Protein backbone atom coordinates (compact mmCIF):
# COMPACT_ATOMS: atom_id res chain seq x y z
CA MET A 1 35.24 6.62 -40.26
CA GLN A 2 33.48 10.11 -41.17
CA LYS A 3 31.41 9.41 -37.34
CA LYS A 4 34.29 9.21 -35.44
CA THR A 5 36.58 11.88 -37.48
CA LYS A 6 33.37 14.29 -36.61
CA ILE A 7 33.31 13.44 -32.67
CA ALA A 8 37.14 13.69 -32.39
CA ARG A 9 36.50 17.02 -33.93
CA ASN A 10 33.94 18.17 -31.83
CA LEU A 11 36.14 17.01 -29.03
CA PHE A 12 38.98 18.92 -29.87
CA PHE A 13 36.81 22.09 -30.43
CA LEU A 14 35.57 21.35 -26.73
CA LEU A 15 38.49 20.67 -24.82
CA GLY A 16 39.99 23.63 -26.77
CA GLY A 17 37.36 26.14 -25.90
CA VAL A 18 37.45 24.53 -22.20
CA ALA A 19 41.37 25.32 -22.31
CA LEU A 20 41.16 28.90 -23.88
CA GLY A 21 38.90 30.26 -21.34
CA VAL A 22 41.33 28.79 -18.68
CA LEU A 23 44.08 30.60 -20.04
CA ILE A 24 41.85 33.65 -20.16
CA TYR A 25 41.28 33.36 -16.62
CA LYS A 26 44.52 32.79 -15.80
CA THR A 27 46.18 35.81 -17.94
CA GLY A 28 43.56 38.04 -16.30
CA PRO A 29 40.58 39.86 -18.49
CA ASP A 30 41.55 42.94 -16.76
CA ASN A 31 44.79 42.49 -18.09
CA ILE A 32 44.25 41.92 -21.84
CA LEU A 33 42.28 45.31 -21.83
CA ASP A 34 44.78 47.54 -20.00
CA ASN A 35 46.98 46.10 -22.33
CA ILE A 36 44.92 46.44 -25.50
CA LYS A 37 44.05 49.59 -24.19
CA GLN A 38 48.13 51.00 -23.81
CA THR A 39 49.14 49.24 -27.10
CA GLY A 40 46.19 50.82 -29.24
CA TRP A 41 46.51 50.03 -33.26
CA TRP A 42 49.24 48.79 -32.73
CA PHE A 43 47.38 45.35 -32.41
CA VAL A 44 46.65 45.29 -36.08
CA PRO A 45 49.62 44.81 -37.37
CA ILE A 46 51.04 42.48 -34.54
CA ILE A 47 48.06 40.31 -35.25
CA GLY A 48 47.92 40.96 -38.96
CA MET A 49 51.72 39.79 -39.96
CA TRP A 50 50.67 36.15 -38.36
CA ILE A 51 48.55 35.74 -41.92
CA ILE A 52 51.73 35.62 -43.31
CA VAL A 53 53.18 33.33 -40.86
CA TYR A 54 50.57 31.03 -41.32
CA LEU A 55 50.60 31.40 -45.10
CA VAL A 56 54.05 30.48 -45.56
CA ASN A 57 54.38 27.50 -43.50
CA THR A 58 51.19 26.62 -45.07
CA TYR A 59 52.53 26.88 -48.42
CA SER A 60 55.52 24.41 -47.24
CA PHE A 61 53.62 22.27 -46.24
CA TYR A 62 52.32 22.19 -49.56
CA ILE A 63 55.31 22.17 -51.02
CA ILE A 64 56.27 18.78 -49.42
CA LEU A 65 53.22 17.04 -49.82
CA ASN A 66 52.55 17.89 -53.85
CA ASP A 67 54.87 15.45 -55.47
CA GLY A 68 53.15 15.13 -59.14
CA SER A 69 50.45 11.99 -57.05
CA GLU A 70 46.78 12.27 -57.72
CA ASP A 71 46.13 12.09 -53.92
CA ALA A 72 48.03 15.56 -53.13
CA LYS A 73 45.95 17.16 -56.28
CA ARG A 74 42.67 16.84 -53.86
CA VAL A 75 44.28 19.20 -50.70
CA GLY A 76 43.68 22.25 -51.47
CA PHE A 77 46.17 25.42 -50.12
CA LEU A 78 42.52 27.05 -48.47
CA ARG A 79 41.89 23.79 -47.10
CA LEU A 80 45.86 23.50 -45.77
CA PHE A 81 45.52 26.92 -44.40
CA GLN A 82 42.50 26.38 -42.36
CA LEU A 83 43.87 22.99 -41.05
CA PHE A 84 47.16 25.12 -40.22
CA VAL A 85 45.13 27.79 -37.77
CA SER A 86 43.02 25.58 -36.21
CA GLY A 87 46.21 22.96 -35.61
CA PHE A 88 48.00 25.87 -34.33
CA ALA A 89 45.73 26.56 -32.38
CA ILE A 90 45.34 23.16 -30.33
CA THR A 91 48.82 23.00 -30.31
CA TYR A 92 49.26 26.08 -28.58
CA ILE A 93 46.67 25.10 -25.49
CA THR A 94 47.55 21.53 -25.55
CA PRO A 95 50.57 20.06 -22.95
CA LEU A 96 53.18 18.57 -24.42
CA GLY A 97 53.42 20.77 -27.02
CA MET A 98 52.70 19.06 -30.71
CA ILE A 99 50.71 16.58 -28.79
CA GLY A 100 47.49 17.99 -29.69
CA GLY A 101 47.80 20.15 -33.17
CA GLU A 102 49.99 17.15 -35.16
CA PRO A 103 47.38 14.25 -34.81
CA TYR A 104 44.61 16.48 -35.37
CA LYS A 105 45.81 17.55 -38.69
CA VAL A 106 46.80 13.70 -39.62
CA LEU A 107 42.99 12.80 -38.70
CA GLU A 108 41.50 15.29 -40.90
CA LEU A 109 44.03 14.57 -44.08
CA ARG A 110 43.58 10.88 -43.66
CA LYS A 111 40.37 10.86 -45.74
CA LEU A 112 42.06 12.48 -48.48
CA ILE A 113 45.02 10.94 -48.73
CA GLY A 114 44.90 8.40 -46.33
CA ILE A 115 46.59 7.59 -43.43
CA LYS A 116 50.46 6.60 -44.16
CA ARG A 117 50.61 9.71 -46.24
CA ALA A 118 48.88 11.62 -43.93
CA THR A 119 51.29 10.98 -41.20
CA SER A 120 54.16 10.93 -43.22
CA THR A 121 53.71 14.31 -44.67
CA VAL A 122 52.85 16.03 -41.45
CA LEU A 123 55.77 14.49 -39.65
CA LEU A 124 57.92 16.01 -42.32
CA SER A 125 56.15 19.58 -42.12
CA THR A 126 57.29 19.25 -38.20
CA MET A 127 60.89 18.48 -38.71
CA MET A 128 60.80 21.44 -40.75
CA ARG A 129 59.53 23.48 -38.49
CA LEU A 130 61.92 22.04 -35.64
CA VAL A 131 64.97 22.13 -38.24
CA SER A 132 64.52 25.71 -38.55
CA HIS A 133 64.35 26.61 -35.03
CA PHE A 134 67.64 25.47 -34.22
CA ILE A 135 68.84 27.02 -37.00
CA PHE A 136 67.41 29.55 -36.17
CA TRP A 137 69.16 29.51 -32.53
CA MET A 138 72.15 28.64 -33.78
CA VAL A 139 72.49 31.92 -36.23
CA SER A 140 71.24 33.85 -32.79
CA ILE A 141 74.53 33.41 -31.06
CA PRO A 142 76.71 35.01 -32.76
CA LEU A 143 74.02 38.43 -32.47
CA LEU A 144 74.06 37.46 -28.51
CA LEU A 145 78.36 37.91 -28.79
CA PHE A 146 77.93 40.76 -30.84
CA PHE A 147 75.26 43.08 -28.81
CA VAL A 148 76.58 41.67 -25.52
CA PRO A 149 80.36 41.03 -25.72
CA VAL A 150 80.64 40.31 -22.06
CA LEU A 151 78.51 37.93 -20.81
CA SER A 152 77.66 36.61 -17.22
CA GLY A 153 78.27 32.95 -16.59
CA VAL A 154 74.64 31.70 -16.54
CA MET A 155 74.30 32.96 -20.06
CA GLN A 156 77.58 31.31 -21.28
CA TRP A 157 75.97 27.86 -19.95
CA ILE A 158 73.09 28.81 -21.74
CA ILE A 159 74.86 29.02 -25.59
CA ILE A 160 76.53 26.07 -24.55
CA LEU A 161 73.20 24.52 -23.90
CA ALA A 162 71.95 26.29 -27.40
CA SER A 163 74.59 25.15 -29.23
CA VAL A 164 74.92 21.63 -28.13
CA MET A 165 71.76 20.86 -28.32
CA SER A 166 71.01 22.48 -31.89
CA GLY A 167 73.85 20.46 -33.34
CA LEU A 168 72.68 16.99 -32.05
CA PHE A 169 69.13 17.52 -32.91
CA LEU A 170 69.85 18.85 -36.75
CA PHE A 171 72.32 15.70 -36.59
CA TRP A 172 69.47 13.64 -35.94
CA ALA A 173 66.65 15.66 -38.33
CA PHE A 174 69.77 14.53 -41.13
CA LYS A 175 69.66 11.16 -40.18
CA VAL A 176 65.72 10.82 -40.30
CA TYR A 177 65.96 13.44 -43.46
CA THR A 178 68.01 10.45 -45.32
CA ARG A 179 66.59 7.34 -43.74
CA GLY A 180 63.37 8.11 -42.02
CA GLY A 181 62.58 7.52 -38.66
CA VAL A 182 59.40 5.83 -37.89
CA GLU A 183 60.42 2.29 -37.79
CA SER A 184 63.30 3.14 -35.22
CA ALA A 185 61.52 4.68 -33.20
CA VAL A 186 58.78 2.44 -33.08
CA LYS A 187 61.36 -0.48 -32.20
CA ARG A 188 62.65 1.89 -29.20
CA GLY A 189 59.55 2.05 -28.16
CA SER A 190 58.66 -1.51 -27.78
CA ARG A 191 61.42 -1.89 -25.34
CA LEU A 192 59.83 0.40 -22.71
CA PRO A 193 57.92 -1.34 -19.96
CA PHE A 194 54.08 -1.42 -19.41
CA PHE A 195 53.64 -0.07 -23.45
CA GLY A 196 56.42 -2.06 -25.13
CA LYS A 197 54.25 -5.20 -25.54
CA ARG A 198 51.53 -3.31 -27.16
CA ILE A 199 53.95 -1.65 -29.67
CA ARG A 200 55.41 -4.40 -30.39
CA ALA A 201 52.08 -5.75 -31.86
CA PHE A 202 51.32 -2.94 -33.36
CA TYR A 203 54.82 -2.91 -35.50
CA LYS A 204 53.77 -6.79 -36.36
CA HIS A 205 51.22 -6.33 -37.96
CA ASN A 206 51.70 -2.86 -39.41
CA GLN A 207 55.51 -3.09 -40.39
CA GLU A 208 54.84 -3.00 -43.94
CA LYS A 209 53.40 0.38 -43.75
CA ILE A 210 56.00 1.88 -41.16
CA SER A 211 58.60 1.03 -43.68
CA GLN A 212 56.38 2.94 -45.84
CA MET A 213 55.89 5.74 -43.86
CA ASP A 214 60.12 5.90 -43.77
CA ASP A 215 60.36 5.81 -47.29
CA SER A 216 58.18 8.94 -47.87
CA ILE A 217 59.92 10.99 -45.17
CA SER A 218 63.47 9.82 -47.14
CA ASP A 219 62.53 10.71 -50.66
CA LEU A 220 61.96 14.29 -50.43
CA TYR A 221 65.45 14.67 -49.28
CA LYS A 222 66.82 11.82 -51.72
CA ASN A 223 64.35 12.80 -54.70
CA ARG A 224 63.12 16.01 -54.21
CA LYS A 225 66.10 18.14 -52.85
CA LYS A 226 65.26 21.34 -54.37
CA ASP A 227 61.17 20.46 -52.74
CA PHE A 228 63.81 19.67 -50.17
CA VAL A 229 65.58 23.40 -49.96
CA PHE A 230 62.32 25.38 -50.87
CA SER A 231 60.37 24.01 -47.86
CA LEU A 232 63.06 24.63 -45.71
CA GLY A 233 64.17 28.17 -46.77
CA LEU A 234 60.31 29.07 -46.12
CA GLU A 235 60.45 27.88 -42.71
CA ILE A 236 63.80 29.66 -41.79
CA PHE A 237 61.80 32.93 -43.28
CA ALA A 238 58.81 32.41 -40.97
CA ARG A 239 61.26 32.13 -37.98
CA PHE A 240 62.75 35.38 -39.03
CA PHE A 241 59.78 37.22 -39.65
CA MET A 242 58.16 36.45 -36.32
CA CYS A 243 60.65 38.63 -35.35
CA VAL A 244 58.85 41.68 -36.83
CA GLU A 245 56.22 41.34 -33.57
CA VAL A 246 58.77 42.04 -30.93
CA LEU A 247 60.01 45.29 -33.32
CA LEU A 248 56.19 46.52 -33.09
CA ILE A 249 55.89 45.82 -29.98
CA MET A 250 58.52 47.88 -28.46
CA GLN A 251 57.52 50.60 -31.18
CA ALA A 252 54.42 50.55 -29.32
CA ILE A 253 56.21 51.19 -25.90
CA GLY A 254 58.59 53.70 -27.06
CA TRP A 255 61.20 51.46 -27.12
CA PRO A 256 62.54 50.83 -30.41
CA VAL A 257 64.73 48.09 -31.23
CA PHE A 258 67.07 46.91 -34.21
CA PHE A 259 65.96 44.32 -35.95
CA GLY A 260 69.56 41.94 -34.78
CA GLU A 261 68.17 42.34 -31.33
CA GLY A 262 64.54 41.36 -32.38
CA VAL A 263 65.68 37.84 -33.64
CA LEU A 264 67.91 37.68 -30.02
CA ILE A 265 65.18 38.99 -27.64
CA GLU A 266 62.90 36.15 -29.76
CA SER A 267 65.65 33.64 -30.12
CA ILE A 268 65.71 33.72 -25.91
CA GLN A 269 62.79 33.86 -24.98
CA SER A 270 61.57 31.29 -27.15
CA PHE A 271 64.98 29.54 -25.63
CA VAL A 272 63.81 29.45 -22.36
CA SER A 273 59.99 28.78 -22.99
CA ASN A 274 61.01 25.37 -25.05
CA LEU A 275 62.64 23.96 -21.86
CA PHE A 276 59.15 24.33 -20.31
CA PHE A 277 57.49 22.73 -23.43
CA PHE A 278 55.16 20.84 -21.17
CA MET A 279 53.07 23.45 -19.73
CA PRO A 280 50.39 25.01 -22.01
CA MET A 281 51.12 28.70 -23.10
CA GLN A 282 54.69 28.16 -21.46
CA MET A 283 53.07 30.38 -18.64
CA GLY A 284 55.75 31.64 -16.29
CA ALA A 285 58.65 30.19 -18.67
CA ARG A 286 58.30 32.75 -21.23
CA GLU A 287 57.92 36.05 -18.98
CA GLY A 288 60.87 34.50 -17.53
CA GLY A 289 62.75 34.52 -20.63
CA PHE A 290 61.73 38.18 -21.71
CA VAL A 291 63.10 39.32 -18.36
CA ILE A 292 66.02 37.36 -18.64
CA VAL A 293 67.21 38.75 -22.77
CA TYR A 294 65.62 42.24 -22.08
CA SER A 295 68.25 42.62 -18.31
CA ILE A 296 70.84 41.73 -21.10
CA LEU A 297 70.08 44.31 -23.48
CA SER A 298 69.59 46.88 -20.69
CA ILE A 299 65.80 47.07 -21.14
CA PRO A 300 63.87 47.55 -18.10
CA ALA A 301 62.27 44.13 -17.45
CA SER A 302 58.50 45.49 -16.83
CA TYR A 303 59.13 46.03 -20.94
CA GLY A 304 59.61 42.44 -21.39
CA VAL A 305 56.42 41.56 -19.09
CA PHE A 306 54.49 43.84 -21.30
CA THR A 307 56.06 42.46 -24.69
CA SER A 308 54.73 38.66 -23.66
CA LEU A 309 51.56 40.15 -22.68
CA CYS A 310 50.60 41.71 -26.31
CA LYS A 311 52.34 38.18 -27.16
CA ARG A 312 49.61 36.12 -25.42
CA ILE A 313 46.60 38.34 -26.56
CA ARG A 314 47.56 37.95 -30.36
CA GLU A 315 47.76 33.97 -29.35
CA LEU A 316 44.62 34.19 -28.03
CA PHE A 317 43.31 35.92 -30.84
CA TRP A 318 44.57 33.01 -33.24
CA THR A 319 43.34 30.05 -31.06
CA MET A 320 39.63 31.49 -30.88
CA ILE A 321 40.18 32.17 -34.84
CA GLY A 322 41.28 28.53 -35.23
CA LEU A 323 38.84 26.93 -32.61
CA LEU A 324 36.31 28.63 -35.11
CA LEU A 325 37.63 27.48 -38.13
CA ILE A 326 37.15 23.37 -36.60
CA ARG A 327 33.69 23.92 -36.52
CA ILE A 328 33.18 24.92 -40.48
CA LYS A 329 32.36 21.72 -42.27
CA ARG A 330 35.57 21.20 -45.07
CA ASP A 331 34.50 17.65 -46.64
């Protein structure tokens, strides 16, 4: 198993390095250098604040994992932090978002806590981040109505779409928290054409393990409610703390904005970007999101492009750090 894990780790590193090179090329080295010069020392807090975000995300996961069992005690916080930064780097450069980073976390954790525990814990952590994201969107809707009393027809439809999506997802998430969702997802997958037969065979031979994963997922909400609330609260805090980045970038430009406006900017651009989740780095979609929200707030659209490029430079920096951390021996 160690040999397979090492091969997979090297593969993640190699593919990540290639993807990172392509993304730097597409962004444009000259654009990156010009932006760094214009932003200046503001990049120090812009990049540095994400240490706090990653630490909070890691601690949220740490709470989920530590249920008092012996295997959980084998996973140290610093190792989890290292794993999270690398996992986010892989997620960032992988098409379809979590298709890369989450399996990587499971791969690394299974050696310490087993595949069932690793899978259920990573799924729970991912659910926490997604739920916090949808709560973030729902909270930002009143802010939009406060800052922009008169909305265009397009923005009204975006609000309706975001509200409906958030409500449906939170309802589904509650069902997963109370019952688990792995077995249900596998059963639905078994009806798919072409792959259904293999999924049915997998389910037949692993039904007990899948049931145990669902029990682990529902256990957090049913029997560890304080841990559940604390973990989710940390993810929500991290989501709102990310908005500070917009405030710092706009301060560097010389167009200060309020925290509420920062939340609104981050909310709308992330919603538009996530509609194009299948694209690595949401190339083009994020810029479109910034242009939309900046025009709503009567901020020059060129500042939106500048803000997007600042965020990409920060992401490229942490992606490089994450890929380098993959190479650090953790065994």
